[in-house]
Amino acid sequence: MFAFGLPPYLNAIGQLKFCRYYFAIIPLFFLVGVCIHNSSELGDKYLLLTTSTLPLILFKNKRTIYFLFGLNILAFFLVTLYQSTFAPLVLLSENAQWIYSTFSVLTVFMVIFFIVQYFRSDSEEYEEELEEKNREISQKNTEIIDSITYAKRLQEAILPPPGEISNSVPDSFILYKPKDIVAGDFYFAEHKGDYFFVAAADCTGHGVPGAMVSLVCSNALNKAVSELGLIKPGEILDKVTEMVVDTFKKGHTDIKDGMDISLCVINTKTRDIAWAGANNPLWYINSEELTEITANKQPVGKSETYASFTTHVLNLAKGSLVYLFTDGYADQFGGPKGKKFKYKQLADLILRNKNLSMTEQRNILENTFTSWRGNIEQVDDVCIIGIKL
């Protein structure tokens, strides 16, 4: 009674770890002593079945459970060997043996029953709690998805409809594939007088953070073109940089978010092109070769060293092809070895299909991207704009 009454006291004084080991081992020693005291006919050794389950209740560490369970098995075989070799210390009458063995077996059944019932009850409570948490998570997930879906509607409202580009440049395409519901990439198109402004932009991040930055950058770009009337792309990017930096420095947090962009201004009458870029280049095909114009190596936004953006002026022949893009397509992992697609492969793909219509080129680019990606997750937003002059 003293030995089995000790655990509550040990718990009360905070010796929880010692108490668990104590309560797992003391019944084992007690039953071994009883088995040595009594004969094998009394069936005391089967009570070790109950003590072998105690480690499952008291411990989480698998090594401890296996060790104590193995100790009970070892005790069972040693007791069996002892009882078959030595006479019992006490001999009971047949009637007393029957009563004792009956109560021993009942004890085994009752202990196993209550242990299983304990686990079942605990499991049912856990399942109910898990179901409730799953319902809460599902509800919150639905609310989040609904909010992001509505944010997508807001973002789509700032994006020009695809017809905005085709109305100004009929033979053109837009390949726009957000990684998530909302995107950090966006495209810009605006027609003012004889000038058509078009851009592919990649804001810092993707998903909700990228979409929030895209709202700031898109608003600044629209203001520079529509309200301030700037025409030269280099001056536009300088002004947009100024507005983006001013927007983000209003708070107390140092935010360096911004965007990479390829901005083209096309004179629809003369077909002269003025272009400026932040990290993202311009590709054009004039005859049979693909030529790249390198962008300024700085973002539109806060940077360590800032220089005014360079405006490049081109006079391309009718039928020339111009491509503006972000880095999402080239950076996509996939293919047989799970590697990046890369710009070289993208340039080769465009060159091979340069004689096809812009709609066909778009379809090939999209199908190639899907095939290359395979089962790999899309790593970034994708935006490519193709224009035939």
Protein backbone atom coordinates (compact mmCIF):
# COMPACT_ATOMS: atom_id res chain seq x y z
CA MET A 1 0.00 0.00 0.00
CA PHE A 2 2.85 2.34 0.81
CA ALA A 3 4.63 1.54 -2.49
CA PHE A 4 1.51 2.18 -4.58
CA GLY A 5 0.43 5.19 -2.55
CA LEU A 6 3.75 6.95 -3.18
CA PRO A 7 3.10 8.18 -6.78
CA PRO A 8 0.44 10.80 -5.79
CA TYR A 9 2.91 12.27 -3.31
CA LEU A 10 5.71 12.29 -5.92
CA ASN A 11 3.38 14.07 -8.34
CA ALA A 12 2.48 16.63 -5.69
CA ILE A 13 6.13 17.58 -5.10
CA GLY A 14 6.81 17.85 -8.82
CA GLN A 15 8.81 14.66 -9.37
CA LEU A 16 6.79 13.83 -12.47
CA LYS A 17 9.53 12.19 -14.54
CA PHE A 18 10.74 10.01 -11.64
CA CYS A 19 7.13 9.18 -10.79
CA ARG A 20 6.47 7.83 -14.29
CA TYR A 21 9.45 5.48 -14.14
CA TYR A 22 8.55 4.50 -10.57
CA PHE A 23 4.96 3.67 -11.48
CA ALA A 24 6.08 1.69 -14.56
CA ILE A 25 8.60 -0.46 -12.67
CA ILE A 26 7.13 -0.99 -9.12
CA PRO A 27 4.10 -3.07 -10.32
CA LEU A 28 6.52 -5.25 -12.30
CA PHE A 29 8.66 -6.02 -9.22
CA PHE A 30 5.53 -6.51 -7.13
CA LEU A 31 4.10 -9.09 -9.55
CA VAL A 32 7.46 -10.91 -9.87
CA GLY A 33 7.47 -11.25 -6.08
CA VAL A 34 3.89 -12.54 -6.06
CA CYS A 35 4.72 -15.08 -8.78
CA ILE A 36 7.72 -16.36 -6.80
CA HIS A 37 5.47 -16.59 -3.72
CA ASN A 38 2.65 -18.46 -5.46
CA SER A 39 2.39 -21.46 -7.77
CA SER A 40 2.04 -21.36 -11.53
CA GLU A 41 -1.54 -22.68 -11.26
CA LEU A 42 -2.65 -19.35 -9.83
CA GLY A 43 -1.83 -17.53 -13.10
CA ASP A 44 -0.18 -14.50 -11.48
CA LYS A 45 2.30 -14.20 -14.33
CA TYR A 46 -0.51 -13.19 -16.71
CA LEU A 47 -0.94 -10.02 -14.68
CA LEU A 48 2.31 -8.96 -16.34
CA LEU A 49 0.20 -8.38 -19.45
CA THR A 50 -1.30 -5.38 -17.67
CA THR A 51 2.02 -3.93 -16.48
CA SER A 52 3.44 -4.19 -20.01
CA THR A 53 0.81 -1.67 -21.17
CA LEU A 54 1.78 0.96 -18.58
CA PRO A 55 4.73 2.36 -20.60
CA LEU A 56 2.34 3.05 -23.49
CA ILE A 57 0.29 5.31 -21.22
CA LEU A 58 3.12 6.94 -19.28
CA PHE A 59 5.73 7.65 -21.96
CA LYS A 60 6.02 9.15 -25.44
CA ASN A 61 9.64 8.23 -26.11
CA LYS A 62 9.65 5.04 -28.21
CA ARG A 63 12.98 3.79 -26.89
CA THR A 64 11.72 4.01 -23.30
CA ILE A 65 8.48 2.23 -24.24
CA TYR A 66 10.32 -0.58 -26.04
CA PHE A 67 12.79 -0.97 -23.18
CA LEU A 68 10.13 -1.24 -20.46
CA PHE A 69 7.92 -3.48 -22.63
CA GLY A 70 10.90 -5.77 -23.24
CA LEU A 71 11.60 -5.79 -19.48
CA ASN A 72 8.07 -7.09 -18.85
CA ILE A 73 8.50 -9.85 -21.47
CA LEU A 74 11.82 -10.86 -19.90
CA ALA A 75 10.19 -10.94 -16.44
CA PHE A 76 7.37 -13.13 -17.81
CA PHE A 77 9.79 -15.78 -19.16
CA LEU A 78 11.99 -15.68 -16.04
CA VAL A 79 8.93 -16.16 -13.80
CA THR A 80 7.72 -19.04 -16.03
CA LEU A 81 11.18 -20.65 -15.76
CA TYR A 82 11.28 -20.14 -11.99
CA GLN A 83 7.79 -21.57 -11.39
CA SER A 84 8.60 -24.65 -13.49
CA THR A 85 11.81 -25.20 -11.54
CA PHE A 86 11.05 -24.33 -7.92
CA ALA A 87 8.17 -25.12 -5.62
CA PRO A 88 5.94 -22.25 -4.49
CA LEU A 89 6.54 -20.71 -1.07
CA VAL A 90 2.85 -21.11 -0.15
CA LEU A 91 0.49 -23.93 -1.09
CA LEU A 92 -3.23 -23.17 -1.26
CA SER A 93 -6.15 -25.53 -1.33
CA GLU A 94 -7.76 -26.28 -4.67
CA ASN A 95 -10.80 -24.15 -3.76
CA ALA A 96 -8.58 -21.20 -2.76
CA GLN A 97 -6.50 -21.64 -5.91
CA TRP A 98 -9.66 -21.51 -8.06
CA ILE A 99 -10.91 -18.36 -6.32
CA TYR A 100 -7.47 -16.70 -6.52
CA SER A 101 -6.87 -17.60 -10.18
CA THR A 102 -10.39 -16.49 -11.10
CA PHE A 103 -9.85 -13.07 -9.54
CA SER A 104 -6.40 -12.83 -11.21
CA VAL A 105 -7.88 -13.48 -14.63
CA LEU A 106 -10.73 -11.04 -13.93
CA THR A 107 -8.13 -8.46 -12.90
CA VAL A 108 -6.29 -8.93 -16.22
CA PHE A 109 -9.53 -8.53 -18.18
CA MET A 110 -10.63 -5.50 -16.18
CA VAL A 111 -7.30 -3.71 -16.42
CA ILE A 112 -7.06 -4.34 -20.19
CA PHE A 113 -10.69 -3.23 -20.62
CA PHE A 114 -10.16 0.04 -18.76
CA ILE A 115 -6.89 0.72 -20.58
CA VAL A 116 -8.54 0.20 -23.98
CA GLN A 117 -11.52 2.26 -22.84
CA TYR A 118 -9.15 5.01 -21.72
CA PHE A 119 -7.41 5.07 -25.10
CA ARG A 120 -10.71 4.91 -26.96
CA SER A 121 -12.20 7.76 -24.95
CA ASP A 122 -9.03 9.79 -25.34
CA SER A 123 -8.96 9.02 -29.07
CA GLU A 124 -12.61 10.02 -29.51
CA GLU A 125 -12.02 13.30 -27.66
CA TYR A 126 -8.95 13.93 -29.81
CA GLU A 127 -10.89 13.16 -33.00
CA GLU A 128 -13.71 15.50 -31.96
CA GLU A 129 -11.18 18.21 -31.13
CA LEU A 130 -9.40 17.58 -34.45
CA GLU A 131 -12.67 17.78 -36.38
CA GLU A 132 -13.55 21.03 -34.66
CA LYS A 133 -10.13 22.49 -35.47
CA ASN A 134 -10.44 21.30 -39.07
CA ARG A 135 -13.82 23.05 -39.31
CA GLU A 136 -12.29 26.25 -37.92
CA ILE A 137 -9.31 26.00 -40.30
CA SER A 138 -11.61 25.28 -43.24
CA GLN A 139 -13.78 28.28 -42.38
CA LYS A 140 -10.78 30.58 -41.98
CA ASN A 141 -9.25 29.21 -45.18
CA THR A 142 -12.49 29.93 -47.03
CA GLU A 143 -12.55 33.47 -45.66
CA ILE A 144 -8.91 34.01 -46.68
CA ILE A 145 -9.49 32.60 -50.17
CA ASP A 146 -12.61 34.77 -50.56
CA SER A 147 -10.61 37.85 -49.51
CA ILE A 148 -7.75 37.03 -51.89
CA THR A 149 -10.23 36.30 -54.71
CA TYR A 150 -11.79 39.71 -54.16
CA ALA A 151 -8.29 41.22 -54.13
CA LYS A 152 -7.78 39.54 -57.51
CA ARG A 153 -10.84 41.41 -58.83
CA LEU A 154 -9.32 44.66 -57.57
CA GLN A 155 -5.99 43.84 -59.20
CA GLU A 156 -7.66 42.90 -62.47
CA ALA A 157 -9.41 46.27 -62.38
CA ILE A 158 -6.03 48.05 -62.64
CA LEU A 159 -4.80 45.79 -65.43
CA PRO A 160 -5.69 47.01 -68.91
CA PRO A 161 -7.89 44.57 -70.82
CA PRO A 162 -6.00 42.52 -73.44
CA GLY A 163 -7.87 44.51 -76.10
CA GLU A 164 -6.03 47.66 -74.99
CA ILE A 165 -2.87 46.37 -76.64
CA SER A 166 -4.53 44.71 -79.65
CA ASN A 167 -6.48 47.91 -80.42
CA SER A 168 -3.24 49.87 -80.62
CA VAL A 169 -1.06 47.10 -82.05
CA PRO A 170 -3.35 44.48 -83.66
CA ASP A 171 -0.69 41.81 -84.11
CA SER A 172 0.36 41.23 -80.48
CA PHE A 173 -0.09 38.89 -77.52
CA ILE A 174 0.03 38.81 -73.72
CA LEU A 175 1.02 35.66 -71.82
CA TYR A 176 0.12 36.34 -68.20
CA LYS A 177 0.23 33.47 -65.67
CA PRO A 178 0.15 34.43 -61.97
CA LYS A 179 1.76 31.94 -59.60
CA ASP A 180 -1.01 32.47 -57.02
CA ILE A 181 -4.50 33.94 -57.14
CA VAL A 182 -3.01 37.44 -57.12
CA ALA A 183 0.35 38.35 -58.60
CA GLY A 184 3.38 40.58 -58.24
CA ASP A 185 3.74 40.75 -62.02
CA PHE A 186 1.52 43.12 -63.96
CA TYR A 187 1.37 44.59 -67.45
CA PHE A 188 0.67 48.19 -68.39
CA ALA A 189 -0.84 49.65 -71.55
CA GLU A 190 -1.89 53.24 -72.27
CA HIS A 191 -2.60 55.08 -75.51
CA LYS A 192 -2.11 58.88 -75.53
CA GLY A 193 -2.16 60.70 -78.84
CA ASP A 194 0.36 59.14 -81.21
CA TYR A 195 2.14 57.30 -78.41
CA PHE A 196 1.41 53.83 -77.10
CA PHE A 197 2.92 52.92 -73.73
CA VAL A 198 3.34 49.23 -72.89
CA ALA A 199 5.28 47.53 -70.09
CA ALA A 200 5.85 44.21 -68.36
CA ALA A 201 6.63 44.68 -64.69
CA ASP A 202 7.76 42.35 -61.90
CA CYS A 203 7.24 43.65 -58.37
CA THR A 204 9.04 42.35 -55.31
CA GLY A 205 7.53 39.03 -54.17
CA HIS A 206 4.44 37.28 -55.43
CA GLY A 207 1.01 36.47 -54.03
CA VAL A 208 -0.57 39.02 -51.68
CA PRO A 209 2.66 40.95 -50.80
CA GLY A 210 3.60 41.20 -54.49
CA ALA A 211 0.08 42.30 -55.40
CA MET A 212 0.18 45.10 -52.82
CA VAL A 213 3.49 46.37 -54.21
CA SER A 214 2.08 46.11 -57.75
CA LEU A 215 -0.80 48.42 -56.80
CA VAL A 216 1.67 51.07 -55.63
CA CYS A 217 3.91 50.71 -58.70
CA SER A 218 1.04 50.56 -61.18
CA ASN A 219 -0.55 53.66 -59.68
CA ALA A 220 2.76 55.55 -59.90
CA LEU A 221 3.26 54.44 -63.52
CA ASN A 222 -0.24 55.49 -64.48
CA LYS A 223 0.21 58.87 -62.79
CA ALA A 224 3.52 59.54 -64.54
CA VAL A 225 2.00 58.82 -67.97
CA SER A 226 -1.60 60.00 -67.68
CA GLU A 227 -1.35 62.93 -65.26
CA LEU A 228 2.21 64.22 -65.69
CA GLY A 229 2.27 63.57 -69.45
CA LEU A 230 5.79 62.16 -69.55
CA ILE A 231 6.77 60.53 -72.84
CA LYS A 232 10.38 59.43 -72.56
CA PRO A 233 10.53 56.00 -70.83
CA GLY A 234 13.71 56.86 -68.92
CA GLU A 235 12.07 59.97 -67.43
CA ILE A 236 8.94 57.96 -66.65
CA LEU A 237 10.93 55.38 -64.68
CA ASP A 238 12.82 58.13 -62.85
CA LYS A 239 9.54 59.71 -61.79
CA VAL A 240 7.97 56.38 -60.86
CA THR A 241 11.03 55.56 -58.74
CA GLU A 242 10.65 58.88 -56.93
CA MET A 243 6.94 58.25 -56.24
CA VAL A 244 7.46 54.64 -55.09
CA VAL A 245 10.27 55.61 -52.70
CA ASP A 246 8.16 58.49 -51.32
CA THR A 247 5.21 56.15 -50.78
CA PHE A 248 7.19 53.54 -48.86
CA LYS A 249 9.22 55.96 -46.74
CA LYS A 250 6.12 57.44 -45.06
CA GLY A 251 6.09 54.68 -42.46
CA HIS A 252 8.66 53.89 -39.78
CA THR A 253 9.77 50.64 -41.45
CA ASP A 254 12.60 50.68 -43.98
CA ILE A 255 10.99 49.12 -47.07
CA LYS A 256 13.11 48.48 -50.15
CA ASP A 257 10.37 46.90 -52.28
CA GLY A 258 9.93 48.03 -55.85
CA MET A 259 9.85 46.51 -59.31
CA ASP A 260 11.85 45.41 -62.33
CA ILE A 261 10.27 46.63 -65.54
CA SER A 262 10.62 46.75 -69.30
CA LEU A 263 8.86 49.89 -70.60
CA CYS A 264 8.33 50.64 -74.28
CA VAL A 265 6.88 53.80 -75.88
CA ILE A 266 5.83 53.26 -79.50
CA ASN A 267 5.08 56.08 -81.91
CA THR A 268 2.20 54.48 -83.82
CA LYS A 269 2.78 56.77 -86.85
CA THR A 270 6.53 56.53 -87.32
CA ARG A 271 7.05 53.14 -85.59
CA ASP A 272 9.92 54.71 -83.63
CA ILE A 273 10.43 52.96 -80.31
CA ALA A 274 11.77 54.50 -77.12
CA TRP A 275 12.60 52.01 -74.37
CA ALA A 276 13.98 51.92 -70.84
CA GLY A 277 14.32 49.04 -68.44
CA ALA A 278 15.03 48.28 -64.79
CA ASN A 279 16.87 44.93 -64.65
CA ASN A 280 14.63 43.45 -67.37
CA PRO A 281 15.91 43.75 -70.99
CA LEU A 282 14.19 44.31 -74.33
CA TRP A 283 14.39 41.74 -77.11
CA TYR A 284 13.62 42.52 -80.73
CA ILE A 285 13.92 40.66 -84.03
CA ASN A 286 14.73 42.87 -87.01
CA SER A 287 15.32 40.48 -89.95
CA GLU A 288 16.70 37.13 -88.75
CA GLU A 289 18.56 37.90 -85.53
CA LEU A 290 17.39 38.42 -81.97
CA THR A 291 18.96 41.50 -80.39
CA GLU A 292 18.94 42.37 -76.70
CA ILE A 293 19.08 45.85 -75.19
CA THR A 294 20.41 45.69 -71.66
CA ALA A 295 18.49 47.40 -68.89
CA ASN A 296 19.83 49.58 -66.11
CA LYS A 297 21.05 47.31 -63.30
CA GLN A 298 18.83 48.83 -60.66
CA PRO A 299 15.18 48.44 -59.63
CA VAL A 300 12.42 51.00 -59.68
CA GLY A 301 12.50 51.71 -55.97
CA LYS A 302 15.04 52.27 -53.24
CA SER A 303 18.59 51.19 -54.15
CA GLU A 304 22.09 51.70 -52.78
CA THR A 305 23.34 53.56 -55.85
CA TYR A 306 20.87 55.28 -58.13
CA ALA A 307 21.43 56.67 -61.64
CA SER A 308 18.91 58.10 -64.06
CA PHE A 309 17.38 55.49 -66.35
CA THR A 310 18.67 55.42 -69.91
CA THR A 311 16.25 55.91 -72.80
CA HIS A 312 17.11 53.86 -75.90
CA VAL A 313 15.61 54.96 -79.24
CA LEU A 314 15.11 52.45 -82.07
CA ASN A 315 13.76 52.77 -85.58
CA LEU A 316 12.68 49.31 -86.61
CA ALA A 317 11.38 48.13 -89.96
CA LYS A 318 7.78 47.19 -90.41
CA GLY A 319 7.19 43.57 -89.35
CA SER A 320 9.86 43.67 -86.63
CA LEU A 321 9.07 41.79 -83.43
CA VAL A 322 9.44 43.24 -79.93
CA TYR A 323 9.29 41.24 -76.69
CA LEU A 324 8.90 42.54 -73.14
CA PHE A 325 8.99 40.04 -70.27
CA THR A 326 9.66 39.35 -66.61
CA ASP A 327 11.95 36.60 -65.24
CA GLY A 328 9.24 34.09 -64.29
CA TYR A 329 9.33 32.08 -67.54
CA ALA A 330 13.11 31.68 -67.69
CA ASP A 331 13.37 30.87 -63.97
CA GLN A 332 10.82 28.05 -64.04
CA PHE A 333 12.19 24.66 -62.96
CA GLY A 334 11.24 21.58 -64.95
CA GLY A 335 12.28 19.40 -67.85
CA PRO A 336 13.83 15.93 -67.52
CA LYS A 337 16.44 17.12 -64.96
CA GLY A 338 14.33 19.62 -63.00
CA LYS A 339 16.50 22.59 -64.04
CA LYS A 340 15.65 26.21 -64.94
CA PHE A 341 14.33 26.95 -68.44
CA LYS A 342 16.78 29.91 -68.77
CA TYR A 343 16.84 32.86 -71.17
CA LYS A 344 18.93 31.09 -73.84
CA GLN A 345 16.26 28.43 -74.33
CA LEU A 346 13.53 31.12 -74.31
CA ALA A 347 15.39 33.10 -77.01
CA ASP A 348 15.81 29.96 -79.15
CA LEU A 349 12.09 29.17 -78.75
CA ILE A 350 11.10 32.68 -79.90
CA LEU A 351 13.50 32.60 -82.85
CA ARG A 352 12.20 29.22 -84.06
CA ASN A 353 8.63 30.53 -84.14
CA LYS A 354 9.23 34.13 -85.27
CA ASN A 355 7.39 33.61 -88.59
CA LEU A 356 4.19 32.41 -86.93
CA SER A 357 1.34 34.73 -85.99
CA MET A 358 1.52 36.32 -82.56
CA THR A 359 -1.44 34.23 -81.39
CA GLU A 360 0.36 31.03 -82.42
CA GLN A 361 3.55 32.22 -80.72
CA ARG A 362 1.63 32.80 -77.50
CA ASN A 363 0.10 29.32 -77.63
CA ILE A 364 3.49 27.72 -78.21
CA LEU A 365 5.03 29.66 -75.32
CA GLU A 366 2.20 28.64 -73.00
CA ASN A 367 2.23 24.97 -74.04
CA THR A 368 6.03 24.80 -73.76
CA PHE A 369 5.90 26.33 -70.28
CA THR A 370 3.23 23.85 -69.13
CA SER A 371 5.12 20.90 -70.59
CA TRP A 372 8.45 22.04 -69.10
CA ARG A 373 6.94 22.62 -65.65
CA GLY A 374 5.23 19.23 -65.54
CA ASN A 375 4.35 18.36 -61.93
CA ILE A 376 6.72 20.96 -60.46
CA GLU A 377 5.09 23.95 -58.79
CA GLN A 378 5.21 27.25 -60.66
CA VAL A 379 7.95 29.23 -58.95
CA ASP A 380 7.05 32.78 -59.99
CA ASP A 381 4.57 34.90 -61.89
CA VAL A 382 4.96 34.88 -65.68
CA CYS A 383 4.40 37.83 -68.00
CA ILE A 384 5.49 38.04 -71.66
CA ILE A 385 4.27 40.63 -74.17
CA GLY A 386 4.92 40.20 -77.89
CA ILE A 387 4.35 42.97 -80.46
CA LYS A 388 4.68 42.93 -84.22
CA LEU A 389 5.19 46.40 -85.63
